[in-house]
Amino acid sequence: MIAAVVLAAGLARRMGRQKLLLQLQGKAVVRWAVERVIGHVEDVVIVTGPDDTAIRQALSDLAVRFVANPRPQDGQGTSIAVGVGALKPWTRAALIALGDQPRIPDAVVRALLEALQRSGKAIVAPLYRGVQGTPVVFSSEVFGELRALTGDAGARAVVQAHPERVEAVALDLAMPPDVDTPEDYAKLHVQ
């Protein structure tokens, strides 16, 4: 089984308010992000913070599971660890996606999952015009490393630890924007 872990526990310090619930064309930003991956995987785990009522409501009619990171202030690594820890034991790979990245093209997710099957590598990462970005696919052989993450660096250290186990998927497009600031949010409305 291939799963997705969508990170939705951030504190939105740079935005100054809950960015995942901001509306974009009539839907919450987090809903856009989840809808981008849900059709490509068999299980979706949403990692939230302890106060997740509004996020659960925004996604209430989708076939997803929720797990709360009790300490999201400790960084994105802790959310990845919590999300991977909630995966079913028979999960073969997990796509780690950001809840604040609402415009991931379907073709990107498809290309990453196809590269996972084709390459046999433990990690598949997109290269947007030469820049490594997200989402990233991790096979179960690195789940232990992901469950051990702490801090705010995310899974970058796992990706960079052994370059020979990473399949890079070159994409001739700009990295899809995430929503960190009011300016980022404003730009999404003109795309």
N, C-alpha and C. Protein backbone atom coordinates (compact mmCIF):
# COMPACT_ATOMS: atom_id res chain seq x y z
N MET A 1 0.84 -1.18 0.00
CA MET A 1 0.00 0.00 0.00
C MET A 1 0.88 1.24 0.00
N ILE A 2 0.46 2.23 -0.78
CA ILE A 2 1.12 3.54 -0.79
C ILE A 2 0.22 4.49 0.00
N ALA A 3 0.83 5.24 0.89
CA ALA A 3 0.09 6.20 1.72
C ALA A 3 0.60 7.61 1.47
N ALA A 4 -0.14 8.57 1.99
CA ALA A 4 0.32 9.95 2.02
C ALA A 4 0.25 10.44 3.45
N VAL A 5 1.24 11.22 3.84
CA VAL A 5 1.23 11.90 5.13
C VAL A 5 1.22 13.39 4.80
N VAL A 6 0.14 14.06 5.18
CA VAL A 6 0.01 15.49 4.90
C VAL A 6 0.24 16.25 6.20
N LEU A 7 1.25 17.11 6.18
CA LEU A 7 1.65 17.86 7.38
C LEU A 7 0.78 19.10 7.54
N ALA A 8 -0.01 19.11 8.62
CA ALA A 8 -0.95 20.20 8.86
C ALA A 8 -0.93 20.63 10.33
N ALA A 9 0.26 20.57 10.94
CA ALA A 9 0.37 20.90 12.37
C ALA A 9 1.14 22.18 12.62
N GLY A 10 1.59 22.85 11.56
CA GLY A 10 2.42 24.04 11.73
C GLY A 10 1.72 25.14 12.51
N LEU A 11 2.53 26.02 13.10
CA LEU A 11 2.00 27.09 13.94
C LEU A 11 1.73 28.38 13.17
N ALA A 12 2.11 28.43 11.91
CA ALA A 12 1.83 29.59 11.04
C ALA A 12 2.34 30.90 11.63
N ARG A 13 3.52 30.87 12.20
CA ARG A 13 4.07 32.09 12.83
C ARG A 13 4.24 33.22 11.84
N ARG A 14 4.74 32.92 10.64
CA ARG A 14 4.97 34.00 9.65
C ARG A 14 3.66 34.54 9.09
N MET A 15 2.62 33.72 9.08
CA MET A 15 1.33 34.18 8.56
C MET A 15 0.59 34.99 9.61
N GLY A 16 0.75 34.62 10.88
CA GLY A 16 0.06 35.34 11.94
C GLY A 16 -1.35 34.85 12.21
N ARG A 17 -1.81 33.86 11.45
CA ARG A 17 -3.13 33.24 11.66
C ARG A 17 -3.10 31.86 11.01
N GLN A 18 -4.13 31.07 11.22
CA GLN A 18 -4.16 29.69 10.71
C GLN A 18 -4.24 29.70 9.19
N LYS A 19 -3.12 29.53 8.55
CA LYS A 19 -3.04 29.62 7.08
C LYS A 19 -3.74 28.47 6.37
N LEU A 20 -3.79 27.29 6.99
CA LEU A 20 -4.37 26.14 6.32
C LEU A 20 -5.87 26.27 6.10
N LEU A 21 -6.50 27.15 6.86
CA LEU A 21 -7.94 27.34 6.73
C LEU A 21 -8.31 28.53 5.85
N LEU A 22 -7.30 29.27 5.37
CA LEU A 22 -7.57 30.38 4.46
C LEU A 22 -8.26 29.84 3.22
N GLN A 23 -9.19 30.61 2.70
CA GLN A 23 -9.96 30.17 1.54
C GLN A 23 -9.25 30.48 0.23
N LEU A 24 -9.29 29.52 -0.66
CA LEU A 24 -8.74 29.66 -2.00
C LEU A 24 -9.78 29.08 -2.95
N GLN A 25 -10.40 29.92 -3.72
CA GLN A 25 -11.46 29.51 -4.64
C GLN A 25 -12.51 28.66 -3.93
N GLY A 26 -12.93 29.11 -2.75
CA GLY A 26 -14.03 28.47 -2.03
C GLY A 26 -13.68 27.27 -1.19
N LYS A 27 -12.39 26.91 -1.12
CA LYS A 27 -11.97 25.77 -0.30
C LYS A 27 -10.77 26.17 0.55
N ALA A 28 -10.63 25.52 1.70
CA ALA A 28 -9.48 25.76 2.56
C ALA A 28 -8.20 25.30 1.87
N VAL A 29 -7.11 26.02 2.12
CA VAL A 29 -5.80 25.68 1.54
C VAL A 29 -5.47 24.21 1.82
N VAL A 30 -5.69 23.74 3.05
CA VAL A 30 -5.36 22.35 3.39
C VAL A 30 -6.20 21.37 2.58
N ARG A 31 -7.41 21.72 2.28
CA ARG A 31 -8.25 20.81 1.48
C ARG A 31 -7.69 20.67 0.07
N TRP A 32 -7.24 21.78 -0.52
CA TRP A 32 -6.61 21.71 -1.84
C TRP A 32 -5.43 20.75 -1.79
N ALA A 33 -4.57 20.90 -0.76
CA ALA A 33 -3.38 20.06 -0.65
C ALA A 33 -3.74 18.58 -0.53
N VAL A 34 -4.74 18.27 0.29
CA VAL A 34 -5.16 16.87 0.47
C VAL A 34 -5.78 16.33 -0.81
N GLU A 35 -6.59 17.11 -1.47
CA GLU A 35 -7.23 16.65 -2.71
C GLU A 35 -6.21 16.38 -3.80
N ARG A 36 -5.05 17.04 -3.75
CA ARG A 36 -4.00 16.81 -4.75
C ARG A 36 -3.38 15.42 -4.63
N VAL A 37 -3.43 14.83 -3.43
CA VAL A 37 -2.77 13.53 -3.25
C VAL A 37 -3.74 12.37 -3.05
N ILE A 38 -4.95 12.65 -2.59
CA ILE A 38 -5.85 11.59 -2.15
C ILE A 38 -6.19 10.58 -3.26
N GLY A 39 -6.26 11.01 -4.48
CA GLY A 39 -6.61 10.09 -5.57
C GLY A 39 -5.46 9.20 -6.03
N HIS A 40 -4.26 9.44 -5.51
CA HIS A 40 -3.08 8.71 -5.96
C HIS A 40 -2.61 7.65 -4.97
N VAL A 41 -3.20 7.63 -3.78
CA VAL A 41 -2.73 6.73 -2.72
C VAL A 41 -3.92 5.99 -2.10
N GLU A 42 -3.61 5.00 -1.27
CA GLU A 42 -4.68 4.20 -0.67
C GLU A 42 -4.99 4.57 0.77
N ASP A 43 -4.16 5.41 1.38
CA ASP A 43 -4.35 5.80 2.77
C ASP A 43 -3.80 7.21 2.92
N VAL A 44 -4.52 8.09 3.61
CA VAL A 44 -4.06 9.46 3.83
C VAL A 44 -4.13 9.76 5.32
N VAL A 45 -2.97 10.14 5.86
CA VAL A 45 -2.86 10.52 7.27
C VAL A 45 -2.59 12.02 7.33
N ILE A 46 -3.46 12.74 8.04
CA ILE A 46 -3.28 14.18 8.23
C ILE A 46 -2.69 14.38 9.61
N VAL A 47 -1.53 15.02 9.69
CA VAL A 47 -0.90 15.31 10.97
C VAL A 47 -1.30 16.73 11.37
N THR A 48 -2.00 16.84 12.49
CA THR A 48 -2.47 18.13 12.97
C THR A 48 -1.80 18.46 14.30
N GLY A 49 -2.09 19.66 14.78
CA GLY A 49 -1.69 20.02 16.12
C GLY A 49 -2.77 19.55 17.09
N PRO A 50 -2.57 19.80 18.38
CA PRO A 50 -3.56 19.34 19.37
C PRO A 50 -4.95 19.97 19.19
N ASP A 51 -5.01 21.21 18.75
CA ASP A 51 -6.29 21.89 18.56
C ASP A 51 -6.65 21.80 17.08
N ASP A 52 -7.24 20.67 16.67
CA ASP A 52 -7.43 20.41 15.24
C ASP A 52 -8.89 20.39 14.78
N THR A 53 -9.79 20.90 15.59
CA THR A 53 -11.22 20.83 15.26
C THR A 53 -11.53 21.44 13.90
N ALA A 54 -11.01 22.62 13.63
CA ALA A 54 -11.32 23.32 12.38
C ALA A 54 -10.74 22.57 11.17
N ILE A 55 -9.55 22.02 11.30
CA ILE A 55 -8.96 21.26 10.19
C ILE A 55 -9.78 20.00 9.94
N ARG A 56 -10.17 19.32 11.00
CA ARG A 56 -11.01 18.14 10.83
C ARG A 56 -12.32 18.50 10.12
N GLN A 57 -12.90 19.63 10.47
CA GLN A 57 -14.14 20.06 9.81
C GLN A 57 -13.92 20.36 8.33
N ALA A 58 -12.79 20.99 8.01
CA ALA A 58 -12.50 21.34 6.61
C ALA A 58 -12.33 20.10 5.74
N LEU A 59 -11.98 18.98 6.37
CA LEU A 59 -11.72 17.73 5.63
C LEU A 59 -12.73 16.63 5.97
N SER A 60 -13.81 16.99 6.64
CA SER A 60 -14.71 16.00 7.24
C SER A 60 -15.32 15.00 6.27
N ASP A 61 -15.50 15.38 5.02
CA ASP A 61 -16.14 14.45 4.08
C ASP A 61 -15.12 13.69 3.22
N LEU A 62 -13.84 13.79 3.54
CA LEU A 62 -12.82 13.07 2.79
C LEU A 62 -12.41 11.82 3.56
N ALA A 63 -11.99 10.80 2.83
CA ALA A 63 -11.56 9.54 3.44
C ALA A 63 -10.11 9.67 3.90
N VAL A 64 -9.93 10.31 5.05
CA VAL A 64 -8.61 10.52 5.61
C VAL A 64 -8.62 10.13 7.09
N ARG A 65 -7.43 9.91 7.63
CA ARG A 65 -7.26 9.65 9.06
C ARG A 65 -6.49 10.82 9.67
N PHE A 66 -6.69 11.06 10.94
CA PHE A 66 -6.02 12.16 11.63
C PHE A 66 -5.16 11.63 12.76
N VAL A 67 -4.02 12.26 12.95
CA VAL A 67 -3.17 11.99 14.10
C VAL A 67 -2.63 13.34 14.56
N ALA A 68 -2.66 13.57 15.86
CA ALA A 68 -2.21 14.86 16.40
C ALA A 68 -0.76 14.77 16.87
N ASN A 69 0.02 15.76 16.48
CA ASN A 69 1.37 15.93 17.01
C ASN A 69 1.21 16.71 18.31
N PRO A 70 1.52 16.11 19.46
CA PRO A 70 1.31 16.81 20.73
C PRO A 70 2.24 18.00 20.92
N ARG A 71 3.34 18.07 20.14
CA ARG A 71 4.30 19.17 20.30
C ARG A 71 4.72 19.74 18.94
N PRO A 72 3.79 20.32 18.20
CA PRO A 72 4.16 20.85 16.88
C PRO A 72 5.19 21.97 16.96
N GLN A 73 5.26 22.64 18.09
CA GLN A 73 6.23 23.72 18.25
C GLN A 73 7.67 23.21 18.20
N ASP A 74 7.85 21.89 18.33
CA ASP A 74 9.19 21.31 18.25
C ASP A 74 9.67 21.13 16.82
N GLY A 75 8.83 21.43 15.83
CA GLY A 75 9.28 21.44 14.45
C GLY A 75 8.66 20.39 13.56
N GLN A 76 8.88 20.61 12.25
CA GLN A 76 8.29 19.76 11.22
C GLN A 76 8.76 18.31 11.34
N GLY A 77 9.99 18.10 11.78
CA GLY A 77 10.49 16.74 11.93
C GLY A 77 9.61 15.92 12.86
N THR A 78 9.11 16.55 13.92
CA THR A 78 8.26 15.81 14.86
C THR A 78 6.93 15.44 14.21
N SER A 79 6.43 16.30 13.34
CA SER A 79 5.17 15.97 12.64
C SER A 79 5.37 14.82 11.67
N ILE A 80 6.50 14.80 10.98
CA ILE A 80 6.79 13.68 10.08
C ILE A 80 6.88 12.39 10.90
N ALA A 81 7.59 12.44 12.04
CA ALA A 81 7.74 11.26 12.89
C ALA A 81 6.38 10.74 13.35
N VAL A 82 5.51 11.63 13.78
CA VAL A 82 4.17 11.24 14.24
C VAL A 82 3.36 10.64 13.08
N GLY A 83 3.42 11.28 11.91
CA GLY A 83 2.66 10.79 10.75
C GLY A 83 3.12 9.42 10.29
N VAL A 84 4.43 9.23 10.19
CA VAL A 84 4.95 7.94 9.75
C VAL A 84 4.65 6.88 10.81
N GLY A 85 4.69 7.27 12.07
CA GLY A 85 4.36 6.33 13.14
C GLY A 85 2.92 5.86 13.10
N ALA A 86 2.05 6.63 12.45
CA ALA A 86 0.62 6.26 12.35
C ALA A 86 0.30 5.42 11.12
N LEU A 87 1.29 5.16 10.27
CA LEU A 87 1.03 4.39 9.06
C LEU A 87 0.73 2.93 9.41
N LYS A 88 -0.07 2.31 8.57
CA LYS A 88 -0.38 0.90 8.77
C LYS A 88 0.87 0.06 8.52
N PRO A 89 1.02 -1.06 9.23
CA PRO A 89 2.26 -1.85 9.14
C PRO A 89 2.59 -2.34 7.73
N TRP A 90 1.59 -2.50 6.89
CA TRP A 90 1.84 -3.02 5.54
C TRP A 90 2.07 -1.91 4.51
N THR A 91 2.25 -0.68 4.95
CA THR A 91 2.52 0.43 4.02
C THR A 91 3.89 0.25 3.39
N ARG A 92 3.93 0.26 2.07
CA ARG A 92 5.20 0.08 1.33
C ARG A 92 5.96 1.38 1.16
N ALA A 93 5.23 2.49 1.04
CA ALA A 93 5.86 3.79 0.82
C ALA A 93 4.88 4.88 1.23
N ALA A 94 5.44 6.05 1.53
CA ALA A 94 4.60 7.18 1.91
C ALA A 94 5.07 8.44 1.20
N LEU A 95 4.11 9.15 0.67
CA LEU A 95 4.35 10.46 0.07
C LEU A 95 4.17 11.48 1.19
N ILE A 96 5.22 12.23 1.49
CA ILE A 96 5.13 13.27 2.52
C ILE A 96 4.84 14.59 1.82
N ALA A 97 3.69 15.17 2.13
CA ALA A 97 3.24 16.40 1.47
C ALA A 97 2.97 17.49 2.51
N LEU A 98 3.00 18.72 2.05
CA LEU A 98 2.76 19.87 2.92
C LEU A 98 1.31 20.31 2.82
N GLY A 99 0.68 20.54 3.96
CA GLY A 99 -0.70 21.00 3.98
C GLY A 99 -0.87 22.42 3.48
N ASP A 100 0.23 23.15 3.36
CA ASP A 100 0.14 24.53 2.88
C ASP A 100 0.65 24.69 1.46
N GLN A 101 0.68 23.59 0.70
CA GLN A 101 1.13 23.62 -0.71
C GLN A 101 -0.04 23.16 -1.59
N PRO A 102 -0.98 24.07 -1.88
CA PRO A 102 -2.25 23.67 -2.51
C PRO A 102 -2.22 23.44 -4.02
N ARG A 103 -1.12 23.75 -4.67
CA ARG A 103 -1.12 23.70 -6.13
C ARG A 103 -0.15 22.67 -6.72
N ILE A 104 0.02 21.54 -6.05
CA ILE A 104 0.87 20.47 -6.60
C ILE A 104 0.14 19.87 -7.80
N PRO A 105 0.75 19.91 -8.99
CA PRO A 105 0.08 19.31 -10.16
C PRO A 105 -0.04 17.79 -10.02
N ASP A 106 -1.15 17.24 -10.50
CA ASP A 106 -1.33 15.79 -10.49
C ASP A 106 -0.17 15.08 -11.17
N ALA A 107 0.35 15.68 -12.24
CA ALA A 107 1.44 15.06 -12.99
C ALA A 107 2.68 14.88 -12.13
N VAL A 108 2.91 15.76 -11.17
CA VAL A 108 4.07 15.64 -10.28
C VAL A 108 3.91 14.40 -9.39
N VAL A 109 2.76 14.26 -8.77
CA VAL A 109 2.52 13.11 -7.88
C VAL A 109 2.64 11.82 -8.68
N ARG A 110 2.04 11.79 -9.87
CA ARG A 110 2.11 10.61 -10.72
C ARG A 110 3.56 10.27 -11.07
N ALA A 111 4.34 11.29 -11.45
CA ALA A 111 5.74 11.07 -11.83
C ALA A 111 6.56 10.52 -10.67
N LEU A 112 6.31 11.02 -9.47
CA LEU A 112 7.05 10.54 -8.30
C LEU A 112 6.72 9.07 -8.00
N LEU A 113 5.44 8.74 -8.04
CA LEU A 113 5.04 7.36 -7.75
C LEU A 113 5.51 6.39 -8.83
N GLU A 114 5.48 6.84 -10.09
CA GLU A 114 6.00 6.00 -11.17
C GLU A 114 7.50 5.77 -11.01
N ALA A 115 8.23 6.82 -10.60
CA ALA A 115 9.68 6.69 -10.41
C ALA A 115 9.99 5.75 -9.25
N LEU A 116 9.15 5.74 -8.23
CA LEU A 116 9.33 4.81 -7.11
C LEU A 116 9.27 3.38 -7.62
N GLN A 117 8.26 3.07 -8.43
CA GLN A 117 8.08 1.72 -8.96
C GLN A 117 9.24 1.35 -9.90
N ARG A 118 9.60 2.28 -10.76
CA ARG A 118 10.60 2.02 -11.79
C ARG A 118 12.01 1.91 -11.23
N SER A 119 12.36 2.78 -10.29
CA SER A 119 13.75 2.89 -9.84
C SER A 119 14.12 1.89 -8.75
N GLY A 120 13.15 1.53 -7.92
CA GLY A 120 13.47 0.68 -6.79
C GLY A 120 14.26 1.39 -5.70
N LYS A 121 14.41 2.70 -5.82
CA LYS A 121 15.17 3.48 -4.82
C LYS A 121 14.30 3.71 -3.59
N ALA A 122 14.95 3.99 -2.46
CA ALA A 122 14.25 4.17 -1.19
C ALA A 122 13.55 5.52 -1.09
N ILE A 123 14.05 6.52 -1.84
CA ILE A 123 13.50 7.87 -1.76
C ILE A 123 13.36 8.43 -3.17
N VAL A 124 12.25 9.08 -3.43
CA VAL A 124 12.04 9.74 -4.73
C VAL A 124 11.69 11.19 -4.44
N ALA A 125 12.52 12.10 -4.98
CA ALA A 125 12.34 13.53 -4.72
C ALA A 125 12.23 14.31 -6.03
N PRO A 126 11.35 15.30 -6.06
CA PRO A 126 11.24 16.13 -7.26
C PRO A 126 12.35 17.17 -7.32
N LEU A 127 12.83 17.43 -8.52
CA LEU A 127 13.77 18.53 -8.76
C LEU A 127 13.06 19.51 -9.68
N TYR A 128 12.63 20.63 -9.12
CA TYR A 128 11.94 21.67 -9.90
C TYR A 128 12.99 22.60 -10.48
N ARG A 129 13.28 22.42 -11.78
CA ARG A 129 14.34 23.20 -12.44
C ARG A 129 15.61 23.21 -11.62
N GLY A 130 15.97 22.01 -11.15
CA GLY A 130 17.22 21.84 -10.42
C GLY A 130 17.15 22.04 -8.92
N VAL A 131 16.01 22.45 -8.38
CA VAL A 131 15.87 22.70 -6.95
C VAL A 131 15.02 21.59 -6.34
N GLN A 132 15.58 20.90 -5.32
CA GLN A 132 14.81 19.84 -4.69
C GLN A 132 13.64 20.43 -3.91
N GLY A 133 12.48 19.81 -4.06
CA GLY A 133 11.28 20.31 -3.40
C GLY A 133 10.43 19.21 -2.81
N THR A 134 9.17 19.50 -2.67
CA THR A 134 8.21 18.58 -2.09
C THR A 134 7.05 18.42 -3.06
N PRO A 135 6.28 17.35 -2.91
CA PRO A 135 6.35 16.27 -1.94
C PRO A 135 7.48 15.29 -2.26
N VAL A 136 7.82 14.45 -1.28
CA VAL A 136 8.86 13.44 -1.45
C VAL A 136 8.26 12.09 -1.05
N VAL A 137 8.65 11.04 -1.78
CA VAL A 137 8.18 9.70 -1.49
C VAL A 137 9.29 8.91 -0.79
N PHE A 138 8.93 8.24 0.29
CA PHE A 138 9.87 7.43 1.06
C PHE A 138 9.36 6.00 1.13
N SER A 139 10.24 5.04 0.83
CA SER A 139 9.83 3.63 0.97
C SER A 139 9.93 3.24 2.43
N SER A 140 9.31 2.13 2.77
CA SER A 140 9.25 1.68 4.16
C SER A 140 10.63 1.41 4.75
N GLU A 141 11.63 1.18 3.91
CA GLU A 141 12.97 0.90 4.46
C GLU A 141 13.58 2.11 5.18
N VAL A 142 13.05 3.31 4.96
CA VAL A 142 13.57 4.49 5.68
C VAL A 142 12.57 5.02 6.72
N PHE A 143 11.47 4.30 6.94
CA PHE A 143 10.49 4.77 7.93
C PHE A 143 11.11 4.92 9.32
N GLY A 144 12.02 4.04 9.68
CA GLY A 144 12.66 4.14 10.99
C GLY A 144 13.39 5.46 11.15
N GLU A 145 14.07 5.89 10.10
CA GLU A 145 14.77 7.18 10.13
C GLU A 145 13.78 8.34 10.25
N LEU A 146 12.66 8.23 9.56
CA LEU A 146 11.66 9.30 9.61
C LEU A 146 11.00 9.37 10.99
N ARG A 147 10.75 8.21 11.60
CA ARG A 147 10.15 8.19 12.94
C ARG A 147 11.09 8.78 13.99
N ALA A 148 12.37 8.84 13.70
CA ALA A 148 13.36 9.37 14.65
C ALA A 148 13.61 10.87 14.48
N LEU A 149 12.94 11.51 13.52
CA LEU A 149 13.19 12.93 13.26
C LEU A 149 12.74 13.82 14.42
N THR A 150 13.48 14.89 14.60
CA THR A 150 13.14 15.95 15.56
C THR A 150 13.46 17.28 14.89
N GLY A 151 13.09 18.37 15.53
CA GLY A 151 13.47 19.68 15.02
C GLY A 151 12.70 20.12 13.80
N ASP A 152 13.18 21.20 13.19
CA ASP A 152 12.43 21.84 12.12
C ASP A 152 13.00 21.61 10.72
N ALA A 153 13.99 20.75 10.58
CA ALA A 153 14.59 20.54 9.26
C ALA A 153 13.76 19.61 8.38
N GLY A 154 12.70 19.06 8.90
CA GLY A 154 11.90 18.13 8.11
C GLY A 154 12.71 16.88 7.80
N ALA A 155 12.50 16.33 6.62
CA ALA A 155 13.16 15.08 6.24
C ALA A 155 14.40 15.32 5.39
N ARG A 156 14.85 16.54 5.30
CA ARG A 156 16.01 16.87 4.45
C ARG A 156 17.23 16.00 4.80
N ALA A 157 17.48 15.81 6.10
CA ALA A 157 18.65 15.02 6.51
C ALA A 157 18.54 13.58 6.03
N VAL A 158 17.35 13.03 6.02
CA VAL A 158 17.15 11.65 5.55
C VAL A 158 17.43 11.57 4.06
N VAL A 159 16.95 12.56 3.32
CA VAL A 159 17.17 12.59 1.87
C VAL A 159 18.66 12.73 1.56
N GLN A 160 19.35 13.60 2.29
CA GLN A 160 20.75 13.89 1.98
C GLN A 160 21.73 12.88 2.56
N ALA A 161 21.30 12.03 3.50
CA ALA A 161 22.22 11.12 4.18
C ALA A 161 22.92 10.15 3.24
N HIS A 162 22.20 9.61 2.27
CA HIS A 162 22.76 8.62 1.33
C HIS A 162 22.25 8.93 -0.07
N PRO A 163 22.93 9.81 -0.81
CA PRO A 163 22.44 10.21 -2.14
C PRO A 163 22.20 9.04 -3.10
N GLU A 164 22.91 7.95 -2.90
CA GLU A 164 22.77 6.81 -3.81
C GLU A 164 21.41 6.13 -3.70
N ARG A 165 20.67 6.39 -2.64
CA ARG A 165 19.35 5.77 -2.50
C ARG A 165 18.22 6.71 -2.93
N VAL A 166 18.58 7.85 -3.52
CA VAL A 166 17.58 8.85 -3.93
C VAL A 166 17.44 8.87 -5.45
N GLU A 167 16.22 8.77 -5.91
CA GLU A 167 15.89 8.95 -7.33
C GLU A 167 15.34 10.36 -7.48
N ALA A 168 16.04 11.18 -8.25
CA ALA A 168 15.58 12.56 -8.49
C ALA A 168 14.73 12.58 -9.76
N VAL A 169 13.58 13.21 -9.68
CA VAL A 169 12.69 13.34 -10.82
C VAL A 169 12.76 14.79 -11.30
N ALA A 170 13.40 14.98 -12.46
CA ALA A 170 13.57 16.34 -13.00
C ALA A 170 12.26 16.83 -13.60
N LEU A 171 11.85 18.01 -13.17
CA LEU A 171 10.59 18.61 -13.64
C LEU A 171 10.88 20.00 -14.17
N ASP A 172 10.40 20.26 -15.38
CA ASP A 172 10.63 21.58 -15.98
C ASP A 172 9.50 22.53 -15.60
N LEU A 173 9.40 22.79 -14.31
CA LEU A 173 8.43 23.76 -13.82
C LEU A 173 8.93 24.31 -12.50
N ALA A 174 8.41 25.48 -12.15
CA ALA A 174 8.80 26.09 -10.88
C ALA A 174 8.19 25.29 -9.73
N MET A 175 8.86 25.33 -8.58
CA MET A 175 8.32 24.63 -7.42
C MET A 175 6.97 25.23 -7.06
N PRO A 176 5.95 24.38 -6.89
CA PRO A 176 4.65 24.91 -6.49
C PRO A 176 4.78 25.67 -5.16
N PRO A 177 4.20 26.85 -5.08
CA PRO A 177 4.37 27.68 -3.89
C PRO A 177 3.64 27.11 -2.67
N ASP A 178 4.22 27.38 -1.51
CA ASP A 178 3.50 27.10 -0.28
C ASP A 178 3.06 28.44 0.32
N VAL A 179 2.21 28.37 1.31
CA VAL A 179 1.62 29.57 1.89
C VAL A 179 2.23 29.79 3.27
N ASP A 180 3.25 30.65 3.33
CA ASP A 180 3.88 30.95 4.60
C ASP A 180 3.58 32.36 5.10
N THR A 181 3.33 33.28 4.17
CA THR A 181 3.14 34.68 4.53
C THR A 181 1.89 35.23 3.86
N PRO A 182 1.39 36.38 4.30
CA PRO A 182 0.26 37.00 3.61
C PRO A 182 0.55 37.26 2.13
N GLU A 183 1.81 37.56 1.81
CA GLU A 183 2.19 37.80 0.41
C GLU A 183 2.06 36.52 -0.41
N ASP A 184 2.47 35.38 0.17
CA ASP A 184 2.33 34.10 -0.53
C ASP A 184 0.86 33.82 -0.83
N TYR A 185 0.02 34.08 0.14
CA TYR A 185 -1.42 33.85 -0.02
C TYR A 185 -1.98 34.74 -1.12
N ALA A 186 -1.57 35.99 -1.12
CA ALA A 186 -2.04 36.93 -2.14
C ALA A 186 -1.63 36.47 -3.54
N LYS A 187 -0.42 35.96 -3.68
CA LYS A 187 0.08 35.50 -4.99
C LYS A 187 -0.74 34.32 -5.51
N LEU A 188 -1.22 33.45 -4.62
CA LEU A 188 -2.00 32.29 -5.06
C LEU A 188 -3.27 32.71 -5.78
N HIS A 189 -3.80 33.84 -5.41
CA HIS A 189 -5.05 34.30 -6.01
C HIS A 189 -4.88 34.80 -7.44
N VAL A 190 -3.63 35.07 -7.84
CA VAL A 190 -3.42 35.56 -9.21
C VAL A 190 -2.87 34.48 -10.12
N GLN A 191 -2.68 33.28 -9.61
CA GLN A 191 -2.15 32.18 -10.44
C GLN A 191 -3.28 31.46 -11.15
